């Protein structure tokens, strides 16, 4: 399923609707909350977040890499550079389990540096547009 297609960020930020109380088109609805500018009728709700923020975790793995990338991989995956070398020397992979936005950040850096990786389950199956997304200002975009 492509959750990007139905992303909350693609919905209009604010809409004007008919107020159920006074029947005027003065009800401002924004992210689930509403307030009528005519009669004051309204309701509040908790904010809705994009599914890529609240979705299940993914695992990103690197099976091998050139020695020149060991330091970068150790920083991205939060492990000691010697552990990276030892794992690769033993034919083991390096992996990180994280939320969608964390995995995306690592994916972008790995791709910039030509390092092969895999993500389980396939993140691009759930979020087809994740690599180009600019939902959050601190998210790096390609």
Protein backbone atom coordinates (compact mmCIF):
# COMPACT_ATOMS: atom_id res chain seq x y z
CA UNK A 1 0.00 0.00 0.00
CA UNK A 2 1.30 3.46 -0.88
CA UNK A 3 0.60 5.59 2.21
CA UNK A 4 2.18 8.63 0.54
CA UNK A 5 -0.81 8.87 -1.80
CA UNK A 6 -3.13 9.58 1.16
CA UNK A 7 -0.69 11.67 3.21
CA UNK A 8 -2.18 14.25 5.57
CA UNK A 9 0.23 16.82 4.16
CA UNK A 10 -1.46 16.58 0.76
CA UNK A 11 -4.84 17.59 2.20
CA UNK A 12 -5.80 21.27 2.25
CA UNK A 13 -4.44 22.95 5.37
CA UNK A 14 -7.74 24.64 6.11
CA UNK A 15 -11.25 24.33 4.71
CA UNK A 16 -14.41 26.37 5.19
CA UNK A 17 -17.55 24.32 5.71
CA UNK A 18 -21.14 24.75 6.76
CA UNK A 19 -21.53 24.98 10.52
CA UNK A 20 -23.92 22.31 11.89
CA UNK A 21 -25.08 24.83 14.53
CA UNK A 22 -25.83 28.06 12.61
CA UNK A 23 -25.86 26.63 9.05
CA UNK A 24 -23.50 29.33 7.75
CA UNK A 25 -20.38 28.61 5.70
CA UNK A 26 -18.15 29.92 8.46
CA UNK A 27 -16.80 26.75 10.05
CA UNK A 28 -12.99 26.68 9.71
CA UNK A 29 -11.70 23.11 9.83
CA UNK A 30 -7.97 22.54 10.25
CA UNK A 31 -6.32 19.18 10.99
CA UNK A 32 -9.45 17.76 12.60
CA UNK A 33 -10.29 20.79 14.79
CA UNK A 34 -12.98 23.31 13.92
CA UNK A 35 -14.36 26.67 15.00
CA UNK A 36 -17.22 28.66 13.54
CA UNK A 37 -16.41 32.34 13.09
CA UNK A 38 -20.13 33.17 13.17
CA UNK A 39 -21.53 31.43 16.27
CA UNK A 40 -18.43 30.07 18.01
CA UNK A 41 -19.43 26.42 17.66
CA UNK A 42 -16.46 24.11 17.37
CA UNK A 43 -14.42 21.22 18.63
CA UNK A 44 -10.82 20.35 19.20
CA UNK A 45 -8.99 17.17 18.42
CA UNK A 46 -5.52 15.78 18.66
CA UNK A 47 -3.39 16.56 15.64
CA UNK A 48 -3.16 14.03 12.86
CA UNK A 49 0.31 12.94 11.81
CA UNK A 50 1.58 11.55 8.55
CA UNK A 51 1.74 7.72 8.59
CA UNK A 52 5.48 7.82 7.97
CA UNK A 53 5.92 9.33 11.45
CA UNK A 54 3.80 6.82 13.33
CA UNK A 55 4.22 3.70 11.20
CA UNK A 56 5.93 0.50 12.37
CA UNK A 57 9.68 0.12 12.46
CA UNK A 58 11.88 -1.04 9.60
CA UNK A 59 15.33 -2.65 9.53
CA UNK A 60 18.03 -1.32 7.23
CA UNK A 61 21.06 -3.53 6.59
CA UNK A 62 24.42 -3.25 4.85
CA UNK A 63 26.14 -6.54 3.98
CA UNK A 64 29.53 -5.18 2.96
CA UNK A 65 31.25 -1.99 1.97
CA UNK A 66 34.56 -0.51 0.98
CA UNK A 67 36.84 0.20 3.95
CA UNK A 68 36.66 3.92 3.14
CA UNK A 69 32.99 3.87 4.22
CA UNK A 70 33.43 2.13 7.58
CA UNK A 71 33.49 5.37 9.59
CA UNK A 72 30.38 6.70 7.83
CA UNK A 73 28.52 3.42 8.41
CA UNK A 74 29.54 3.37 12.07
CA UNK A 75 28.14 6.88 12.56
CA UNK A 76 24.89 6.15 10.70
CA UNK A 77 24.25 2.89 12.55
CA UNK A 78 25.50 4.12 15.92
CA UNK A 79 28.18 1.47 16.43
CA UNK A 80 31.95 1.40 16.86
CA UNK A 81 33.99 1.46 13.65
CA UNK A 82 35.94 -1.59 14.85
CA UNK A 83 32.65 -3.49 15.20
CA UNK A 84 31.82 -2.57 11.59
CA UNK A 85 35.18 -3.91 10.39
CA UNK A 86 34.86 -7.09 12.45
CA UNK A 87 31.30 -7.75 11.22
CA UNK A 88 32.23 -7.29 7.56
CA UNK A 89 35.40 -9.37 7.99
CA UNK A 90 33.25 -12.18 9.44
CA UNK A 91 30.72 -11.94 6.59
CA UNK A 92 28.03 -10.50 8.87
CA UNK A 93 25.83 -7.53 8.11
CA UNK A 94 25.33 -4.27 9.97
CA UNK A 95 21.71 -3.37 10.69
CA UNK A 96 19.64 -0.69 12.36
CA UNK A 97 16.01 -0.93 13.47
CA UNK A 98 14.15 2.39 13.34
CA UNK A 99 11.11 4.39 12.39
CA UNK A 100 10.46 5.41 8.81
CA UNK A 101 12.01 8.87 9.07
CA UNK A 102 15.18 7.45 10.68
CA UNK A 103 15.54 4.79 7.99
CA UNK A 104 14.97 7.37 5.25
CA UNK A 105 17.79 9.55 6.56
CA UNK A 106 20.20 6.60 6.50
CA UNK A 107 19.00 5.54 3.03
CA UNK A 108 19.75 8.99 1.61
CA UNK A 109 23.30 9.04 2.97
CA UNK A 110 24.01 5.48 1.83
CA UNK A 111 22.75 6.27 -1.67
CA UNK A 112 24.81 9.49 -1.82
CA UNK A 113 27.89 7.39 -1.09
CA UNK A 114 27.05 4.48 -3.40
CA UNK A 115 26.68 1.97 -0.56
CA UNK A 116 24.30 -0.93 -1.22
CA UNK A 117 21.66 -1.65 1.43
CA UNK A 118 18.31 -3.32 1.93
CA UNK A 119 15.29 -2.44 4.06
CA UNK A 120 12.94 -5.04 5.55
CA UNK A 121 10.05 -4.92 5.09
CA UNK A 122 10.32 -3.01 1.80
CA UNK A 123 9.80 0.62 2.83
CA UNK A 124 9.22 1.71 -0.78
CA UNK A 125 6.22 -0.61 -0.94
CA UNK A 126 4.59 1.32 1.93
CA UNK A 127 5.95 4.81 1.14
CA UNK A 128 6.59 5.10 -2.58
CA UNK A 129 7.49 8.81 -2.43
CA UNK A 130 9.61 8.72 0.75
CA UNK A 131 12.91 9.57 -0.92
CA UNK A 132 11.58 12.85 -2.35
CA UNK A 133 9.37 13.81 0.61
CA UNK A 134 9.85 17.15 2.31
CA UNK A 135 7.15 16.88 4.98
CA UNK A 136 9.51 17.81 7.77
CA UNK A 137 11.98 20.67 7.47
CA UNK A 138 14.80 18.71 9.11
CA UNK A 139 14.40 15.82 6.68
CA UNK A 140 17.10 15.77 4.06
CA UNK A 141 15.83 15.62 0.51
CA UNK A 142 17.64 14.44 -2.59
